Amino acid sequence: MAIQTQTSQNLTAARALLDELATVDDPQAKATAAAAHATLVLAEQVAGVRLVLAAGAVENGTVSAQH
């Protein structure tokens, strides 16, 4: 079974905002952006794990494949 990956719209918007902050020279803004980036990376990893677990549950027949 092929797994389709799709990034959340919220994660995509957060990534775009962080990209905009990359050009800011304020040290506090850079520190805040770094912390936000770490949180975003963690959120993306959790989303990926959830997809893998959901796909495994569907393959094992423990969850219905219906939407």
Protein backbone atom coordinates (compact mmCIF):
# COMPACT_ATOMS: atom_id res chain seq x y z
CA MET A 1 0.00 0.00 0.00
CA ALA A 2 1.38 3.41 -0.94
CA ILE A 3 1.28 6.09 1.70
CA GLN A 4 0.41 9.57 0.53
CA THR A 5 1.98 12.37 2.51
CA GLN A 6 0.32 15.74 2.80
CA THR A 7 1.58 18.60 4.90
CA SER A 8 -0.98 20.32 7.08
CA GLN A 9 -2.02 23.77 5.91
CA ASN A 10 -1.13 25.09 9.36
CA LEU A 11 2.38 23.63 9.16
CA THR A 12 2.83 25.07 5.67
CA ALA A 13 1.74 28.52 6.87
CA ALA A 14 4.07 28.31 9.87
CA ARG A 15 6.98 27.33 7.62
CA ALA A 16 6.27 30.34 5.37
CA LEU A 17 6.22 32.71 8.34
CA LEU A 18 9.52 31.34 9.60
CA ASP A 19 11.03 31.81 6.16
CA GLU A 20 9.99 35.46 6.30
CA LEU A 21 11.67 35.87 9.71
CA ALA A 22 14.96 34.51 8.38
CA THR A 23 15.88 37.97 7.09
CA VAL A 24 15.28 39.79 10.40
CA ASP A 25 18.39 41.14 12.18
CA ASP A 26 16.90 41.36 15.69
CA PRO A 27 18.59 38.77 17.98
CA GLN A 28 15.42 38.20 20.03
CA ALA A 29 13.39 37.63 16.87
CA LYS A 30 16.03 35.17 15.64
CA ALA A 31 15.94 33.29 18.97
CA THR A 32 12.16 33.16 18.87
CA ALA A 33 12.24 31.96 15.26
CA ALA A 34 14.75 29.24 16.22
CA ALA A 35 12.48 28.01 19.02
CA ALA A 36 9.48 28.13 16.70
CA HIS A 37 11.43 26.21 14.07
CA ALA A 38 12.26 23.48 16.58
CA THR A 39 8.58 23.25 17.52
CA LEU A 40 7.60 23.10 13.85
CA VAL A 41 10.07 20.30 13.15
CA LEU A 42 8.69 18.35 16.10
CA ALA A 43 5.11 18.90 14.87
CA GLU A 44 6.07 17.66 11.40
CA GLN A 45 7.68 14.56 12.91
CA VAL A 46 4.61 13.84 15.04
CA ALA A 47 2.39 14.23 11.98
CA GLY A 48 4.59 11.77 10.08
CA VAL A 49 4.45 9.22 12.90
CA ARG A 50 0.67 9.55 13.05
CA LEU A 51 0.47 8.79 9.33
CA VAL A 52 2.67 5.73 9.70
CA LEU A 53 0.65 4.46 12.67
CA ALA A 54 -2.64 5.05 10.86
CA ALA A 55 -1.39 3.25 7.75
CA GLY A 56 -0.22 0.34 9.88
CA ALA A 57 -3.59 0.13 11.61
CA VAL A 58 -5.40 0.07 8.26
CA GLU A 59 -3.05 -2.60 6.90
CA ASN A 60 -3.59 -4.74 10.01
CA GLY A 61 -7.34 -4.41 9.69
CA THR A 62 -7.76 -2.80 13.10
CA VAL A 63 -9.23 0.36 11.54
CA SER A 64 -11.63 0.76 8.65
CA ALA A 65 -10.09 2.21 5.48
CA GLN A 66 -13.22 4.33 4.87
CA HIS A 67 -13.01 8.14 5.11
